[in-house]
């Protein structure tokens, strides 16, 4: 009677701890009665790196970030956000991208916005 499962695994060694999250749907995605989610992004520079911190007030699945006009990639993309659990992603520019460029270019979309 459940439509999805979220599996989170954590591995660590002496240098770092990494957590990986997988979302498994047992019904077609758009058959889920998901609440509307408000996803907020805070963009900042941290030790010379561009970071995007994401928060959501409801579960948001397949959160996808895009940056038309600012070439680069994110450390992760198409992710699951859960309320109260912020996610920090690094933006790795291809060429020169300033903080202001990233703020202007960033676009977010998630599954619930598509239906």
N, C-alpha and C. Protein backbone atom coordinates (compact mmCIF):
# COMPACT_ATOMS: atom_id res chain seq x y z
N UNK A 1 0.81 -1.20 0.00
CA UNK A 1 0.00 0.00 0.00
C UNK A 1 0.85 1.27 0.00
N UNK A 2 2.16 1.13 -0.04
CA UNK A 2 3.05 2.29 -0.11
C UNK A 2 3.49 2.49 -1.55
N UNK A 3 3.70 3.73 -1.93
CA UNK A 3 4.03 4.00 -3.33
C UNK A 3 5.50 4.26 -3.57
N UNK A 4 6.25 4.52 -2.51
CA UNK A 4 7.67 4.75 -2.71
C UNK A 4 8.47 4.36 -1.48
N UNK A 5 9.76 4.19 -1.71
CA UNK A 5 10.69 3.86 -0.63
C UNK A 5 11.93 4.72 -0.84
N UNK A 6 12.45 5.26 0.24
CA UNK A 6 13.69 6.03 0.19
C UNK A 6 14.74 5.24 0.95
N UNK A 7 15.83 4.90 0.26
CA UNK A 7 16.92 4.12 0.83
C UNK A 7 18.13 5.02 0.96
N UNK A 8 18.65 5.14 2.17
CA UNK A 8 19.82 5.99 2.40
C UNK A 8 20.94 5.13 2.98
N UNK A 9 22.11 5.21 2.37
CA UNK A 9 23.26 4.47 2.86
C UNK A 9 24.39 5.44 3.16
N UNK A 10 25.18 5.12 4.15
CA UNK A 10 26.30 5.96 4.54
C UNK A 10 27.56 5.11 4.64
N UNK A 11 28.64 5.62 4.09
CA UNK A 11 29.94 4.94 4.17
C UNK A 11 30.97 5.97 4.60
N UNK A 12 31.92 5.54 5.38
CA UNK A 12 32.94 6.48 5.83
C UNK A 12 34.30 5.80 5.92
N UNK A 13 35.31 6.63 5.80
CA UNK A 13 36.68 6.19 6.05
C UNK A 13 37.33 7.29 6.89
N UNK A 14 38.60 7.28 7.02
CA UNK A 14 39.26 8.26 7.89
C UNK A 14 39.17 9.68 7.36
N UNK A 15 39.05 9.85 6.05
CA UNK A 15 39.04 11.18 5.45
C UNK A 15 37.65 11.79 5.32
N UNK A 16 36.63 10.96 5.07
CA UNK A 16 35.32 11.53 4.77
C UNK A 16 34.19 10.54 5.02
N UNK A 17 32.99 11.09 5.11
CA UNK A 17 31.77 10.30 5.20
C UNK A 17 30.89 10.72 4.04
N UNK A 18 30.36 9.73 3.33
CA UNK A 18 29.47 10.01 2.19
C UNK A 18 28.14 9.30 2.41
N UNK A 19 27.07 10.01 2.08
CA UNK A 19 25.74 9.45 2.17
C UNK A 19 25.14 9.45 0.77
N UNK A 20 24.51 8.35 0.43
CA UNK A 20 23.87 8.21 -0.88
C UNK A 20 22.40 7.90 -0.64
N UNK A 21 21.54 8.59 -1.39
CA UNK A 21 20.10 8.42 -1.24
C UNK A 21 19.50 7.97 -2.56
N UNK A 22 18.68 6.92 -2.53
CA UNK A 22 17.97 6.43 -3.71
C UNK A 22 16.48 6.42 -3.41
N UNK A 23 15.69 6.86 -4.37
CA UNK A 23 14.24 6.84 -4.23
C UNK A 23 13.68 5.82 -5.21
N UNK A 24 12.86 4.90 -4.71
CA UNK A 24 12.27 3.86 -5.55
C UNK A 24 10.75 4.03 -5.54
N UNK A 25 10.16 4.16 -6.71
CA UNK A 25 8.71 4.30 -6.85
C UNK A 25 8.13 2.95 -7.27
N UNK A 26 7.02 2.57 -6.66
CA UNK A 26 6.36 1.30 -6.97
C UNK A 26 5.08 1.50 -7.77
N UNK A 27 4.84 2.72 -8.16
CA UNK A 27 3.73 3.09 -9.05
C UNK A 27 4.29 4.09 -10.05
N UNK A 28 3.59 4.35 -11.14
CA UNK A 28 4.07 5.39 -12.05
C UNK A 28 4.23 6.72 -11.29
N UNK A 29 5.29 7.44 -11.60
CA UNK A 29 5.61 8.68 -10.88
C UNK A 29 4.41 9.59 -10.72
N UNK A 30 3.72 9.84 -11.80
CA UNK A 30 2.63 10.81 -11.77
C UNK A 30 1.35 10.26 -11.15
N UNK A 31 1.38 9.00 -10.70
CA UNK A 31 0.25 8.44 -9.95
C UNK A 31 0.37 8.77 -8.47
N UNK A 32 1.52 9.28 -8.06
CA UNK A 32 1.72 9.65 -6.65
C UNK A 32 0.98 10.95 -6.36
N UNK A 33 0.26 10.96 -5.26
CA UNK A 33 -0.42 12.18 -4.86
C UNK A 33 0.54 12.99 -3.98
N UNK A 34 1.46 13.66 -4.63
CA UNK A 34 2.47 14.43 -3.91
C UNK A 34 1.94 15.82 -3.57
N UNK A 35 2.29 16.35 -2.42
CA UNK A 35 1.89 17.72 -2.10
C UNK A 35 2.74 18.70 -2.93
N UNK A 36 2.24 19.90 -3.08
CA UNK A 36 3.03 20.95 -3.72
C UNK A 36 4.24 21.21 -2.82
N UNK A 37 5.39 21.31 -3.41
CA UNK A 37 6.62 21.56 -2.64
C UNK A 37 7.21 22.89 -3.06
N UNK A 38 7.62 23.65 -2.08
CA UNK A 38 8.32 24.91 -2.34
C UNK A 38 9.80 24.66 -2.09
N UNK A 39 10.59 24.67 -3.16
CA UNK A 39 12.02 24.43 -3.06
C UNK A 39 12.75 25.76 -3.11
N UNK A 40 13.56 26.02 -2.09
CA UNK A 40 14.33 27.25 -2.01
C UNK A 40 15.80 26.97 -2.23
N UNK A 41 16.45 27.86 -2.95
CA UNK A 41 17.89 27.72 -3.23
C UNK A 41 18.63 28.94 -2.70
N UNK A 42 19.68 28.69 -1.95
CA UNK A 42 20.58 29.76 -1.50
C UNK A 42 21.92 29.52 -2.20
N UNK A 43 22.39 30.54 -2.90
CA UNK A 43 23.63 30.42 -3.67
C UNK A 43 24.68 31.28 -3.00
N UNK A 44 25.86 30.69 -2.78
CA UNK A 44 26.94 31.45 -2.13
C UNK A 44 28.30 30.93 -2.59
N UNK A 45 29.30 31.71 -2.29
CA UNK A 45 30.67 31.30 -2.53
C UNK A 45 31.25 30.88 -1.20
N UNK A 46 31.90 29.72 -1.16
CA UNK A 46 32.46 29.18 0.07
C UNK A 46 33.85 28.65 -0.23
N UNK A 47 34.87 29.28 0.33
CA UNK A 47 36.26 28.90 0.09
C UNK A 47 36.59 28.82 -1.40
N UNK A 48 36.09 29.78 -2.17
CA UNK A 48 36.37 29.84 -3.59
C UNK A 48 35.51 28.93 -4.45
N UNK A 49 34.60 28.18 -3.82
CA UNK A 49 33.71 27.28 -4.55
C UNK A 49 32.30 27.87 -4.56
N UNK A 50 31.58 27.64 -5.66
CA UNK A 50 30.19 28.07 -5.76
C UNK A 50 29.30 26.94 -5.26
N UNK A 51 28.43 27.25 -4.30
CA UNK A 51 27.56 26.24 -3.70
C UNK A 51 26.10 26.66 -3.78
N UNK A 52 25.24 25.69 -3.93
CA UNK A 52 23.80 25.90 -3.90
C UNK A 52 23.25 25.03 -2.77
N UNK A 53 22.60 25.67 -1.80
CA UNK A 53 21.96 24.95 -0.69
C UNK A 53 20.47 24.90 -0.97
N UNK A 54 19.92 23.69 -0.99
CA UNK A 54 18.51 23.49 -1.31
C UNK A 54 17.73 23.07 -0.07
N UNK A 55 16.53 23.60 0.08
CA UNK A 55 15.61 23.23 1.15
C UNK A 55 14.22 23.11 0.55
N UNK A 56 13.39 22.24 1.14
CA UNK A 56 12.02 22.07 0.67
C UNK A 56 11.09 21.93 1.86
N UNK A 57 9.87 22.42 1.70
CA UNK A 57 8.89 22.31 2.78
C UNK A 57 8.05 21.04 2.69
N UNK A 58 8.23 20.27 1.61
CA UNK A 58 7.52 19.00 1.40
C UNK A 58 8.45 18.11 0.57
N UNK A 59 8.21 16.80 0.52
CA UNK A 59 9.06 15.96 -0.32
C UNK A 59 9.04 16.45 -1.77
N UNK A 60 10.22 16.56 -2.35
CA UNK A 60 10.36 16.99 -3.75
C UNK A 60 11.26 15.97 -4.43
N UNK A 61 10.73 15.33 -5.47
CA UNK A 61 11.45 14.26 -6.15
C UNK A 61 11.97 14.73 -7.49
N UNK A 62 13.10 14.19 -7.89
CA UNK A 62 13.74 14.53 -9.16
C UNK A 62 13.95 16.05 -9.27
N UNK A 63 14.49 16.65 -8.21
CA UNK A 63 14.81 18.08 -8.25
C UNK A 63 15.99 18.24 -9.21
N UNK A 64 15.75 19.01 -10.24
CA UNK A 64 16.75 19.19 -11.30
C UNK A 64 17.16 20.65 -11.37
N UNK A 65 18.47 20.88 -11.40
CA UNK A 65 19.02 22.23 -11.51
C UNK A 65 19.59 22.43 -12.90
N UNK A 66 19.36 23.60 -13.45
CA UNK A 66 19.88 23.95 -14.77
C UNK A 66 20.39 25.38 -14.71
N UNK A 67 21.36 25.68 -15.55
CA UNK A 67 21.96 27.02 -15.55
C UNK A 67 22.14 27.51 -16.98
N UNK A 68 21.06 27.77 -17.71
CA UNK A 68 21.24 28.28 -19.07
C UNK A 68 22.01 29.60 -19.03
N UNK A 69 23.03 29.69 -19.83
CA UNK A 69 23.84 30.91 -19.87
C UNK A 69 25.03 30.89 -18.93
N UNK A 70 25.13 29.90 -18.06
CA UNK A 70 26.28 29.76 -17.17
C UNK A 70 26.73 28.31 -17.26
N UNK A 71 27.76 28.06 -18.04
CA UNK A 71 28.19 26.69 -18.33
C UNK A 71 28.88 26.05 -17.12
N UNK A 72 28.43 24.84 -16.80
CA UNK A 72 29.05 24.10 -15.70
C UNK A 72 28.18 22.93 -15.30
N UNK A 73 28.66 22.18 -14.30
CA UNK A 73 27.92 21.02 -13.81
C UNK A 73 27.81 21.10 -12.29
N UNK A 74 26.83 20.34 -11.75
CA UNK A 74 26.65 20.26 -10.30
C UNK A 74 27.20 18.94 -9.79
N UNK A 75 27.58 18.93 -8.51
CA UNK A 75 28.12 17.72 -7.90
C UNK A 75 27.09 16.60 -7.85
N UNK A 76 25.82 16.94 -7.95
CA UNK A 76 24.73 15.97 -8.02
C UNK A 76 23.56 16.69 -8.69
N UNK A 77 22.61 15.93 -9.21
CA UNK A 77 21.46 16.53 -9.85
C UNK A 77 20.36 15.49 -9.92
N UNK A 78 19.14 15.95 -10.14
CA UNK A 78 17.96 15.08 -10.15
C UNK A 78 17.87 14.32 -8.83
N UNK A 79 17.75 15.08 -7.75
CA UNK A 79 17.85 14.53 -6.39
C UNK A 79 16.50 14.54 -5.68
N UNK A 80 16.43 13.84 -4.57
CA UNK A 80 15.28 13.83 -3.68
C UNK A 80 15.56 14.79 -2.53
N UNK A 81 14.61 15.70 -2.29
CA UNK A 81 14.71 16.60 -1.14
C UNK A 81 13.59 16.25 -0.16
N UNK A 82 13.93 16.18 1.11
CA UNK A 82 12.96 15.92 2.15
C UNK A 82 12.90 17.13 3.08
N UNK A 83 11.75 17.42 3.65
CA UNK A 83 11.63 18.57 4.55
C UNK A 83 12.60 18.47 5.72
N UNK A 84 13.20 19.59 6.06
CA UNK A 84 14.12 19.64 7.19
C UNK A 84 15.50 19.07 6.93
N UNK A 85 15.78 18.68 5.68
CA UNK A 85 17.10 18.09 5.36
C UNK A 85 17.69 18.84 4.17
N UNK A 86 18.48 19.84 4.48
CA UNK A 86 19.06 20.62 3.39
C UNK A 86 20.10 19.81 2.62
N UNK A 87 20.26 20.18 1.38
CA UNK A 87 21.22 19.51 0.49
C UNK A 87 22.13 20.59 -0.08
N UNK A 88 23.45 20.41 0.03
CA UNK A 88 24.41 21.37 -0.50
C UNK A 88 25.08 20.74 -1.72
N UNK A 89 24.99 21.45 -2.85
CA UNK A 89 25.59 20.99 -4.09
C UNK A 89 26.65 21.99 -4.53
N UNK A 90 27.73 21.48 -5.07
CA UNK A 90 28.78 22.36 -5.60
C UNK A 90 28.54 22.56 -7.09
N UNK A 91 28.69 23.79 -7.56
CA UNK A 91 28.63 24.09 -8.98
C UNK A 91 30.06 24.21 -9.48
N UNK A 92 30.40 23.41 -10.48
CA UNK A 92 31.75 23.41 -11.04
C UNK A 92 31.69 24.05 -12.43
N UNK A 93 32.08 25.32 -12.52
CA UNK A 93 31.94 26.04 -13.78
C UNK A 93 32.91 25.54 -14.85
N UNK A 94 32.47 25.67 -16.09
CA UNK A 94 33.33 25.43 -17.24
C UNK A 94 33.65 26.81 -17.79
N UNK A 95 34.78 27.32 -17.40
CA UNK A 95 35.12 28.70 -17.74
C UNK A 95 34.82 29.61 -16.56
N UNK A 96 34.76 30.90 -16.84
CA UNK A 96 34.55 31.88 -15.77
C UNK A 96 33.06 32.10 -15.53
N UNK A 97 32.60 31.74 -14.34
CA UNK A 97 31.22 31.99 -13.92
C UNK A 97 31.30 32.64 -12.54
N UNK A 98 30.78 33.84 -12.45
CA UNK A 98 30.76 34.58 -11.19
C UNK A 98 29.52 34.20 -10.38
N UNK A 99 29.56 34.52 -9.08
CA UNK A 99 28.44 34.26 -8.20
C UNK A 99 27.17 34.91 -8.75
N UNK A 100 27.26 36.14 -9.20
CA UNK A 100 26.09 36.84 -9.75
C UNK A 100 25.56 36.14 -11.00
N UNK A 101 26.45 35.59 -11.82
CA UNK A 101 26.03 34.85 -13.03
C UNK A 101 25.21 33.62 -12.65
N UNK A 102 25.69 32.89 -11.64
CA UNK A 102 25.00 31.68 -11.21
C UNK A 102 23.64 32.03 -10.62
N UNK A 103 23.57 33.08 -9.82
CA UNK A 103 22.29 33.50 -9.23
C UNK A 103 21.28 33.85 -10.31
N UNK A 104 21.73 34.48 -11.36
CA UNK A 104 20.82 34.87 -12.44
C UNK A 104 20.40 33.67 -13.29
N UNK A 105 21.29 32.73 -13.48
CA UNK A 105 21.04 31.61 -14.40
C UNK A 105 20.28 30.44 -13.78
N UNK A 106 20.38 30.24 -12.47
CA UNK A 106 19.85 29.02 -11.85
C UNK A 106 18.34 28.86 -12.06
N UNK A 107 17.97 27.67 -12.52
CA UNK A 107 16.57 27.27 -12.69
C UNK A 107 16.39 25.93 -11.99
N UNK A 108 15.28 25.79 -11.26
CA UNK A 108 14.94 24.56 -10.54
C UNK A 108 13.63 24.01 -11.04
N UNK A 109 13.54 22.70 -11.11
CA UNK A 109 12.27 22.04 -11.45
C UNK A 109 12.24 20.71 -10.72
N UNK A 110 11.04 20.28 -10.32
CA UNK A 110 10.90 18.97 -9.69
C UNK A 110 9.64 18.28 -10.19
N UNK A 111 9.52 17.00 -9.88
CA UNK A 111 8.48 16.16 -10.44
C UNK A 111 7.07 16.75 -10.28
N UNK A 112 6.72 17.21 -9.11
CA UNK A 112 5.34 17.68 -8.85
C UNK A 112 4.98 18.87 -9.75
N UNK A 113 5.94 19.62 -10.20
CA UNK A 113 5.66 20.77 -11.07
C UNK A 113 5.24 20.34 -12.47
N UNK A 114 5.37 19.06 -12.80
CA UNK A 114 5.10 18.61 -14.15
C UNK A 114 3.67 18.08 -14.33
N UNK A 115 2.89 18.03 -13.24
CA UNK A 115 1.50 17.58 -13.37
C UNK A 115 0.61 18.25 -12.35
